[in-house]
Amino acid sequence: MTITRYGQPCPLCDELLLLDVLQVRSAQSDFPTAERITRRRCPDCQTARPEPWAKAMRDRYGDA
């Protein structure tokens, strides 16, 4: 199951990042057994400043 939640502030504008989180669940448990962030988004910076956004994400998290 994929959910979206807020994360740390954006390195370019200090708004909270939107995190797409993949939750792995098992049939034996009501709670997620593992979570993995699949994408980080800042709608304003990602569209208005794509090159600085990609560089900031690579520098901070190792992804774009």
N, C-alpha and C. Protein backbone atom coordinates (compact mmCIF):
# COMPACT_ATOMS: atom_id res chain seq x y z
N MET A 1 0.84 -1.16 0.00
CA MET A 1 0.00 0.00 0.00
C MET A 1 0.90 1.24 0.00
N THR A 2 0.55 2.21 -0.80
CA THR A 2 1.30 3.46 -0.85
C THR A 2 0.49 4.57 -0.19
N ILE A 3 1.14 5.30 0.71
CA ILE A 3 0.50 6.43 1.37
C ILE A 3 1.37 7.67 1.15
N THR A 4 0.81 8.83 1.42
CA THR A 4 1.55 10.09 1.34
C THR A 4 1.52 10.73 2.72
N ARG A 5 2.69 11.19 3.15
CA ARG A 5 2.77 11.89 4.43
C ARG A 5 3.76 13.04 4.31
N TYR A 6 3.76 13.91 5.31
CA TYR A 6 4.70 15.03 5.32
C TYR A 6 6.03 14.58 5.89
N GLY A 7 7.10 15.19 5.38
CA GLY A 7 8.43 14.87 5.85
C GLY A 7 9.18 16.11 6.31
N GLN A 8 10.48 16.11 6.13
CA GLN A 8 11.33 17.22 6.53
C GLN A 8 11.10 18.41 5.61
N PRO A 9 11.55 19.60 6.02
CA PRO A 9 11.39 20.78 5.17
C PRO A 9 12.19 20.66 3.87
N CYS A 10 11.66 21.26 2.83
CA CYS A 10 12.33 21.31 1.53
C CYS A 10 13.63 22.11 1.68
N PRO A 11 14.72 21.64 1.09
CA PRO A 11 15.98 22.38 1.21
C PRO A 11 15.99 23.71 0.45
N LEU A 12 15.04 23.92 -0.45
CA LEU A 12 15.01 25.15 -1.23
C LEU A 12 14.04 26.19 -0.69
N CYS A 13 12.90 25.76 -0.13
CA CYS A 13 11.89 26.74 0.28
C CYS A 13 11.38 26.55 1.71
N ASP A 14 11.80 25.55 2.40
CA ASP A 14 11.43 25.26 3.79
C ASP A 14 9.97 24.83 3.99
N GLU A 15 9.23 24.57 2.92
CA GLU A 15 7.91 23.94 3.06
C GLU A 15 8.13 22.45 3.32
N LEU A 16 7.16 21.79 3.96
CA LEU A 16 7.32 20.37 4.24
C LEU A 16 7.22 19.56 2.95
N LEU A 17 8.14 18.60 2.80
CA LEU A 17 8.12 17.71 1.64
C LEU A 17 6.97 16.72 1.77
N LEU A 18 6.42 16.32 0.64
CA LEU A 18 5.44 15.24 0.60
C LEU A 18 6.21 13.95 0.31
N LEU A 19 6.02 12.94 1.13
CA LEU A 19 6.71 11.67 0.96
C LEU A 19 5.73 10.61 0.50
N ASP A 20 6.05 9.91 -0.58
CA ASP A 20 5.28 8.74 -0.99
C ASP A 20 5.95 7.55 -0.31
N VAL A 21 5.20 6.86 0.56
CA VAL A 21 5.74 5.79 1.37
C VAL A 21 5.06 4.48 1.00
N LEU A 22 5.87 3.47 0.68
CA LEU A 22 5.36 2.14 0.39
C LEU A 22 5.36 1.36 1.70
N GLN A 23 4.19 0.92 2.12
CA GLN A 23 4.07 0.13 3.34
C GLN A 23 3.84 -1.33 2.98
N VAL A 24 4.64 -2.19 3.58
CA VAL A 24 4.48 -3.63 3.38
C VAL A 24 3.73 -4.17 4.59
N ARG A 25 2.65 -4.86 4.32
CA ARG A 25 1.83 -5.43 5.40
C ARG A 25 1.77 -6.94 5.24
N SER A 26 1.59 -7.61 6.35
CA SER A 26 1.42 -9.06 6.29
C SER A 26 0.00 -9.42 6.71
N ALA A 27 -0.43 -10.59 6.35
CA ALA A 27 -1.78 -11.03 6.70
C ALA A 27 -1.91 -11.28 8.20
N GLN A 28 -0.81 -11.52 8.88
CA GLN A 28 -0.84 -11.84 10.30
C GLN A 28 -0.83 -10.60 11.20
N SER A 29 -0.59 -9.42 10.64
CA SER A 29 -0.45 -8.22 11.46
C SER A 29 -1.30 -7.09 10.91
N ASP A 30 -1.85 -6.28 11.81
CA ASP A 30 -2.63 -5.11 11.39
C ASP A 30 -1.74 -3.92 11.10
N PHE A 31 -0.47 -4.00 11.49
CA PHE A 31 0.45 -2.89 11.35
C PHE A 31 1.45 -3.15 10.22
N PRO A 32 1.97 -2.09 9.60
CA PRO A 32 2.98 -2.28 8.55
C PRO A 32 4.22 -2.98 9.11
N THR A 33 4.77 -3.91 8.35
CA THR A 33 5.98 -4.60 8.78
C THR A 33 7.23 -3.89 8.27
N ALA A 34 7.08 -3.09 7.21
CA ALA A 34 8.22 -2.33 6.67
C ALA A 34 7.68 -1.12 5.91
N GLU A 35 8.48 -0.08 5.87
CA GLU A 35 8.13 1.12 5.10
C GLU A 35 9.35 1.56 4.31
N ARG A 36 9.10 2.06 3.09
CA ARG A 36 10.18 2.57 2.26
C ARG A 36 9.69 3.82 1.54
N ILE A 37 10.49 4.88 1.60
CA ILE A 37 10.14 6.12 0.90
C ILE A 37 10.47 5.92 -0.58
N THR A 38 9.46 6.05 -1.42
CA THR A 38 9.68 5.85 -2.85
C THR A 38 9.87 7.15 -3.62
N ARG A 39 9.39 8.27 -3.03
CA ARG A 39 9.53 9.56 -3.72
C ARG A 39 9.34 10.70 -2.74
N ARG A 40 10.12 11.75 -2.94
CA ARG A 40 9.98 12.99 -2.17
C ARG A 40 9.53 14.07 -3.13
N ARG A 41 8.55 14.90 -2.70
CA ARG A 41 8.02 15.92 -3.60
C ARG A 41 7.85 17.25 -2.88
N CYS A 42 8.13 18.31 -3.60
CA CYS A 42 7.76 19.67 -3.22
C CYS A 42 7.15 20.26 -4.49
N PRO A 43 5.84 20.32 -4.59
CA PRO A 43 5.20 20.72 -5.84
C PRO A 43 5.68 22.07 -6.38
N ASP A 44 5.95 23.03 -5.51
CA ASP A 44 6.40 24.35 -5.98
C ASP A 44 7.81 24.29 -6.55
N CYS A 45 8.76 23.79 -5.80
CA CYS A 45 10.16 23.79 -6.23
C CYS A 45 10.41 22.81 -7.37
N GLN A 46 9.74 21.68 -7.34
CA GLN A 46 9.96 20.66 -8.36
C GLN A 46 9.58 21.15 -9.75
N THR A 47 8.54 21.96 -9.85
CA THR A 47 8.12 22.45 -11.17
C THR A 47 8.77 23.79 -11.51
N ALA A 48 8.95 24.67 -10.53
CA ALA A 48 9.50 26.00 -10.80
C ALA A 48 11.01 26.00 -10.97
N ARG A 49 11.71 25.13 -10.22
CA ARG A 49 13.17 25.09 -10.26
C ARG A 49 13.65 23.65 -10.36
N PRO A 50 13.45 22.98 -11.50
CA PRO A 50 13.76 21.55 -11.58
C PRO A 50 15.25 21.22 -11.42
N GLU A 51 16.14 22.04 -11.95
CA GLU A 51 17.57 21.72 -11.84
C GLU A 51 18.09 21.88 -10.41
N PRO A 52 17.83 23.02 -9.73
CA PRO A 52 18.26 23.11 -8.33
C PRO A 52 17.59 22.05 -7.44
N TRP A 53 16.33 21.72 -7.76
CA TRP A 53 15.60 20.69 -7.00
C TRP A 53 16.32 19.34 -7.12
N ALA A 54 16.65 18.95 -8.33
CA ALA A 54 17.31 17.66 -8.55
C ALA A 54 18.66 17.63 -7.84
N LYS A 55 19.41 18.72 -7.91
CA LYS A 55 20.72 18.77 -7.26
C LYS A 55 20.58 18.69 -5.74
N ALA A 56 19.62 19.41 -5.18
CA ALA A 56 19.41 19.39 -3.73
C ALA A 56 19.00 18.00 -3.25
N MET A 57 18.14 17.32 -4.01
CA MET A 57 17.71 15.98 -3.62
C MET A 57 18.86 14.97 -3.72
N ARG A 58 19.68 15.09 -4.76
CA ARG A 58 20.86 14.22 -4.89
C ARG A 58 21.83 14.45 -3.74
N ASP A 59 22.09 15.71 -3.42
CA ASP A 59 23.03 16.03 -2.36
C ASP A 59 22.55 15.58 -0.99
N ARG A 60 21.27 15.76 -0.72
CA ARG A 60 20.74 15.45 0.61
C ARG A 60 20.36 13.99 0.78
N TYR A 61 19.70 13.40 -0.23
CA TYR A 61 19.15 12.05 -0.07
C TYR A 61 19.73 11.02 -1.02
N GLY A 62 20.50 11.46 -2.00
CA GLY A 62 21.06 10.50 -2.96
C GLY A 62 20.11 10.13 -4.07
N ASP A 63 19.01 10.86 -4.22
CA ASP A 63 18.05 10.61 -5.31
C ASP A 63 17.51 11.93 -5.83
N ALA A 64 16.75 11.86 -6.93
CA ALA A 64 16.21 13.09 -7.49
C ALA A 64 14.74 13.05 -7.56
